[in-house]
N, C-alpha and C. Protein backbone atom coordinates (compact mmCIF):
# COMPACT_ATOMS: atom_id res chain seq x y z
N MET A 1 -1.95 -39.16 -107.39
CA MET A 1 -1.67 -38.16 -108.53
C MET A 1 -1.15 -36.10 -107.84
N ALA A 2 0.13 -36.51 -107.90
CA ALA A 2 0.06 -34.83 -107.97
C ALA A 2 -0.29 -34.15 -108.62
N THR A 3 -0.47 -33.02 -107.51
CA THR A 3 -1.00 -31.57 -107.99
C THR A 3 -0.31 -30.23 -107.89
N ASN A 4 0.44 -29.35 -109.04
CA ASN A 4 1.10 -27.94 -108.34
C ASN A 4 0.05 -27.64 -107.95
N VAL A 5 -0.05 -26.63 -106.91
CA VAL A 5 -0.42 -25.13 -106.47
C VAL A 5 0.06 -24.18 -106.28
N PRO A 6 -0.32 -23.19 -106.47
CA PRO A 6 0.22 -21.68 -106.05
C PRO A 6 -0.42 -21.43 -104.86
N ILE A 7 0.33 -21.59 -103.90
CA ILE A 7 -0.38 -20.81 -102.68
C ILE A 7 1.00 -19.95 -101.84
N GLY A 8 0.33 -18.28 -102.18
CA GLY A 8 1.23 -17.32 -101.81
C GLY A 8 2.07 -16.87 -102.44
N GLY A 9 2.02 -17.23 -103.71
CA GLY A 9 3.20 -17.50 -104.49
C GLY A 9 3.89 -18.22 -105.05
N TYR A 10 3.58 -19.81 -103.69
CA TYR A 10 4.52 -20.28 -104.26
C TYR A 10 4.18 -21.73 -104.57
N PRO A 11 5.39 -22.80 -105.44
CA PRO A 11 5.07 -23.14 -105.92
C PRO A 11 4.91 -24.87 -104.75
N PHE A 12 3.03 -25.04 -104.35
CA PHE A 12 3.50 -26.55 -103.50
C PHE A 12 2.93 -27.92 -104.35
N VAL A 13 3.65 -28.78 -103.57
CA VAL A 13 3.28 -29.61 -104.64
C VAL A 13 1.64 -30.38 -103.72
N CYS A 14 0.90 -31.03 -104.12
CA CYS A 14 0.04 -31.51 -103.68
C CYS A 14 -1.20 -32.92 -103.80
N VAL A 15 -0.65 -33.49 -102.92
CA VAL A 15 -1.72 -34.83 -102.95
C VAL A 15 -2.56 -35.24 -102.19
N SER A 16 -3.61 -36.07 -102.99
CA SER A 16 -3.94 -36.52 -101.26
C SER A 16 -3.96 -37.26 -100.17
N LEU A 17 -4.96 -36.84 -98.79
CA LEU A 17 -4.33 -37.23 -97.28
C LEU A 17 -3.65 -39.47 -97.84
N THR A 18 -5.11 -39.30 -98.37
CA THR A 18 -5.03 -40.81 -98.45
C THR A 18 -3.57 -40.88 -99.24
N GLN A 19 -2.81 -40.80 -100.29
CA GLN A 19 -1.72 -41.19 -100.87
C GLN A 19 -1.03 -39.96 -100.69
N ALA A 20 -0.65 -39.61 -99.24
CA ALA A 20 1.31 -38.73 -99.02
C ALA A 20 1.39 -40.03 -98.58
N ASP A 21 2.89 -39.62 -99.23
CA ASP A 21 3.97 -40.65 -98.82
C ASP A 21 5.31 -39.44 -99.06
N PHE A 22 5.51 -38.21 -98.00
CA PHE A 22 6.72 -37.51 -98.28
C PHE A 22 7.33 -38.04 -97.60
N LEU A 23 9.09 -37.80 -97.21
CA LEU A 23 10.14 -37.71 -97.16
C LEU A 23 10.08 -37.47 -96.46
N ASP A 24 11.17 -37.66 -94.88
CA ASP A 24 11.52 -36.24 -94.03
C ASP A 24 12.30 -35.19 -94.34
N VAL A 25 11.80 -34.25 -94.83
CA VAL A 25 13.05 -33.18 -95.62
C VAL A 25 11.57 -32.01 -94.99
N THR A 26 12.87 -31.08 -95.27
CA THR A 26 12.11 -29.41 -94.78
C THR A 26 11.75 -28.84 -95.86
N ALA A 27 10.23 -28.63 -94.96
CA ALA A 27 8.86 -28.06 -95.63
C ALA A 27 8.48 -27.33 -94.93
N ILE A 28 7.50 -26.36 -95.37
CA ILE A 28 6.47 -25.94 -95.29
C ILE A 28 5.09 -27.05 -95.83
N TYR A 29 4.31 -27.11 -95.24
CA TYR A 29 2.92 -27.61 -95.48
C TYR A 29 1.37 -27.32 -94.87
N VAL A 30 1.10 -27.25 -95.76
CA VAL A 30 -0.66 -26.68 -96.01
C VAL A 30 -1.60 -28.53 -96.23
N ILE A 31 -2.60 -27.72 -95.06
CA ILE A 31 -3.64 -29.28 -94.83
C ILE A 31 -4.53 -28.36 -95.90
N LEU A 32 -5.40 -28.98 -96.92
CA LEU A 32 -6.58 -28.65 -97.81
C LEU A 32 -7.78 -28.71 -97.92
N CYS A 33 -9.53 -28.82 -97.93
CA CYS A 33 -10.66 -29.49 -97.73
C CYS A 33 -10.47 -29.20 -98.88
N VAL A 34 -10.69 -30.22 -100.39
CA VAL A 34 -11.09 -29.73 -101.57
C VAL A 34 -12.51 -30.28 -101.49
N ALA A 35 -12.91 -28.75 -102.00
CA ALA A 35 -14.67 -29.62 -102.51
C ALA A 35 -14.89 -30.03 -103.70
N GLN A 36 -16.22 -30.96 -104.00
CA GLN A 36 -16.61 -31.75 -105.52
C GLN A 36 -16.00 -30.27 -106.48
N ASP A 37 -16.28 -29.05 -106.50
CA ASP A 37 -16.49 -27.84 -107.26
C ASP A 37 -14.71 -27.78 -107.50
N GLY A 38 -13.85 -28.44 -107.02
CA GLY A 38 -13.00 -27.96 -107.11
C GLY A 38 -11.65 -26.52 -106.00
N SER A 39 -12.77 -26.17 -105.77
CA SER A 39 -11.98 -24.64 -104.75
C SER A 39 -11.84 -25.99 -103.12
N TRP A 40 -10.97 -24.84 -102.39
CA TRP A 40 -10.22 -25.76 -101.39
C TRP A 40 -10.11 -24.23 -100.11
N THR A 41 -10.53 -24.57 -98.98
CA THR A 41 -10.06 -24.47 -97.89
C THR A 41 -8.74 -25.04 -97.17
N VAL A 42 -8.03 -24.15 -96.78
CA VAL A 42 -6.86 -24.29 -95.88
C VAL A 42 -7.57 -24.65 -94.31
N LEU A 43 -7.15 -25.62 -93.88
CA LEU A 43 -7.69 -26.40 -92.78
C LEU A 43 -5.87 -26.29 -91.84
N ASP A 44 -5.17 -26.16 -92.08
CA ASP A 44 -3.79 -26.29 -91.07
C ASP A 44 -2.55 -25.66 -92.33
N VAL A 45 -1.33 -25.53 -91.63
CA VAL A 45 -0.55 -24.50 -91.93
C VAL A 45 0.39 -24.91 -90.89
N GLY A 46 1.94 -25.66 -91.07
CA GLY A 46 2.99 -25.86 -90.56
C GLY A 46 4.29 -25.49 -91.30
N GLN A 47 5.02 -25.94 -90.32
CA GLN A 47 6.63 -26.04 -91.32
C GLN A 47 7.30 -27.10 -90.13
N SER A 48 8.08 -28.31 -90.62
CA SER A 48 8.85 -29.53 -90.27
C SER A 48 10.28 -29.62 -90.86
N GLY A 49 11.35 -29.98 -90.39
CA GLY A 49 12.23 -30.53 -90.80
C GLY A 49 12.33 -32.02 -91.24
N GLN A 50 11.03 -32.95 -90.13
CA GLN A 50 10.61 -33.79 -91.34
C GLN A 50 8.96 -34.13 -91.39
N VAL A 51 8.82 -33.65 -92.73
CA VAL A 51 7.14 -33.51 -92.53
C VAL A 51 6.58 -34.90 -93.13
N GLY A 52 7.43 -35.93 -93.39
CA GLY A 52 6.77 -36.96 -93.13
C GLY A 52 5.91 -37.81 -92.73
N SER A 53 7.36 -37.45 -91.46
CA SER A 53 7.02 -38.63 -90.02
C SER A 53 6.04 -36.94 -89.06
N ARG A 54 6.07 -36.14 -89.67
CA ARG A 54 5.12 -34.85 -88.67
C ARG A 54 3.16 -35.21 -89.31
N ILE A 55 3.56 -35.52 -90.54
CA ILE A 55 2.48 -35.33 -90.82
C ILE A 55 1.69 -36.97 -90.98
N ASP A 56 1.92 -38.08 -91.10
CA ASP A 56 1.83 -39.19 -89.84
C ASP A 56 1.68 -39.76 -88.59
N GLU A 57 2.33 -38.52 -87.81
CA GLU A 57 1.50 -38.81 -86.85
C GLU A 57 1.06 -37.75 -85.88
N HIS A 58 0.29 -36.92 -86.94
CA HIS A 58 0.03 -35.25 -86.65
C HIS A 58 -1.16 -35.37 -85.58
N ASP A 59 -1.18 -34.91 -84.55
CA ASP A 59 -2.05 -34.49 -83.65
C ASP A 59 -3.47 -34.14 -83.83
N ARG A 60 -3.06 -33.48 -85.04
CA ARG A 60 -4.61 -32.61 -85.45
C ARG A 60 -5.75 -33.11 -86.53
N LYS A 61 -5.10 -34.13 -87.35
CA LYS A 61 -5.65 -35.23 -88.49
C LYS A 61 -7.17 -35.09 -88.14
N GLY A 62 -7.28 -35.42 -86.63
CA GLY A 62 -8.70 -35.14 -86.18
C GLY A 62 -9.99 -34.04 -86.76
N CYS A 63 -9.04 -33.30 -85.82
CA CYS A 63 -9.69 -32.16 -86.60
C CYS A 63 -10.27 -31.84 -88.58
N TRP A 64 -9.28 -32.07 -88.60
CA TRP A 64 -9.36 -31.73 -90.77
C TRP A 64 -10.02 -32.68 -90.66
N GLU A 65 -10.12 -34.16 -90.32
CA GLU A 65 -11.52 -34.57 -90.88
C GLU A 65 -13.08 -34.20 -89.96
N ARG A 66 -12.89 -33.68 -88.54
CA ARG A 66 -13.85 -32.64 -88.56
C ARG A 66 -14.44 -31.35 -89.45
N ASN A 67 -13.97 -30.99 -89.85
CA ASN A 67 -13.97 -29.29 -90.80
C ASN A 67 -13.88 -29.81 -92.08
N CYS A 68 -13.67 -31.15 -92.25
CA CYS A 68 -13.62 -31.20 -94.03
C CYS A 68 -15.09 -32.59 -94.28
N PRO A 69 -16.21 -31.85 -94.29
CA PRO A 69 -17.23 -33.15 -94.11
C PRO A 69 -17.17 -34.08 -95.43
N ASN A 70 -16.45 -33.34 -96.65
CA ASN A 70 -16.43 -34.56 -97.45
C ASN A 70 -15.46 -35.65 -97.19
N LYS A 71 -14.36 -35.24 -96.26
CA LYS A 71 -12.76 -35.86 -96.23
C LYS A 71 -12.08 -36.28 -97.69
N ASN A 72 -12.37 -35.17 -98.20
CA ASN A 72 -11.78 -35.21 -99.07
C ASN A 72 -10.38 -34.45 -99.06
N ILE A 73 -9.07 -34.94 -98.33
CA ILE A 73 -7.89 -33.58 -97.53
C ILE A 73 -6.51 -34.14 -98.47
N TRP A 74 -5.79 -32.86 -98.72
CA TRP A 74 -4.69 -32.76 -99.28
C TRP A 74 -3.90 -32.42 -98.81
N MET A 75 -2.52 -33.06 -98.73
CA MET A 75 -1.75 -31.87 -98.52
C MET A 75 -0.84 -31.60 -98.79
N CYS A 76 -0.37 -29.88 -99.20
CA CYS A 76 0.77 -29.38 -100.11
C CYS A 76 2.23 -29.16 -99.24
N VAL A 77 2.89 -29.29 -99.93
CA VAL A 77 4.72 -28.88 -99.52
C VAL A 77 4.80 -28.68 -100.45
N TYR A 78 5.95 -27.52 -99.59
CA TYR A 78 6.87 -26.81 -100.13
C TYR A 78 8.17 -27.13 -99.60
N ARG A 79 9.29 -27.37 -100.46
CA ARG A 79 10.54 -28.39 -99.53
C ARG A 79 11.61 -26.69 -99.51
N MET A 80 11.78 -26.35 -98.15
CA MET A 80 13.09 -25.21 -98.34
C MET A 80 14.50 -25.94 -98.45
N PRO A 81 15.34 -25.24 -99.51
CA PRO A 81 16.35 -25.56 -99.79
C PRO A 81 17.37 -26.22 -98.39
N SER A 82 17.69 -27.62 -98.68
CA SER A 82 18.47 -27.81 -97.54
C SER A 82 19.78 -26.99 -97.00
N THR A 83 20.04 -26.55 -97.84
CA THR A 83 21.07 -26.36 -97.75
C THR A 83 21.63 -25.17 -96.69
N GLN A 84 20.40 -24.31 -96.07
CA GLN A 84 20.02 -23.13 -95.74
C GLN A 84 18.83 -23.12 -94.09
N TYR A 85 18.28 -25.10 -94.33
CA TYR A 85 18.02 -25.19 -93.01
C TYR A 85 17.84 -26.99 -93.38
N THR A 86 17.33 -27.23 -91.17
CA THR A 86 17.51 -27.87 -90.53
C THR A 86 16.95 -29.02 -90.29
N LYS A 87 16.45 -29.83 -89.69
CA LYS A 87 14.74 -30.29 -89.10
C LYS A 87 14.99 -29.49 -87.64
N GLN A 88 16.00 -29.05 -87.00
CA GLN A 88 16.22 -28.78 -85.86
C GLN A 88 15.11 -26.71 -85.83
């Protein structure tokens, strides 16, 4: 189930990484480790013109897992206006 989380004043759409199925859109993404009490820690931040493919094949997934002891990793996406940004 997706949830909206304000990060840096922007509305990000967040889902558990195990349920993430984002399209190849231009977006800023934030990877979070969510604790049992609901607090979260930022593990990674990036941008991509093809965010779905980028996350599926991300070279730092192992790092996220090592730094999130409970393995409750979430991906948050803020889509960029496609008329202003391209995948390059």
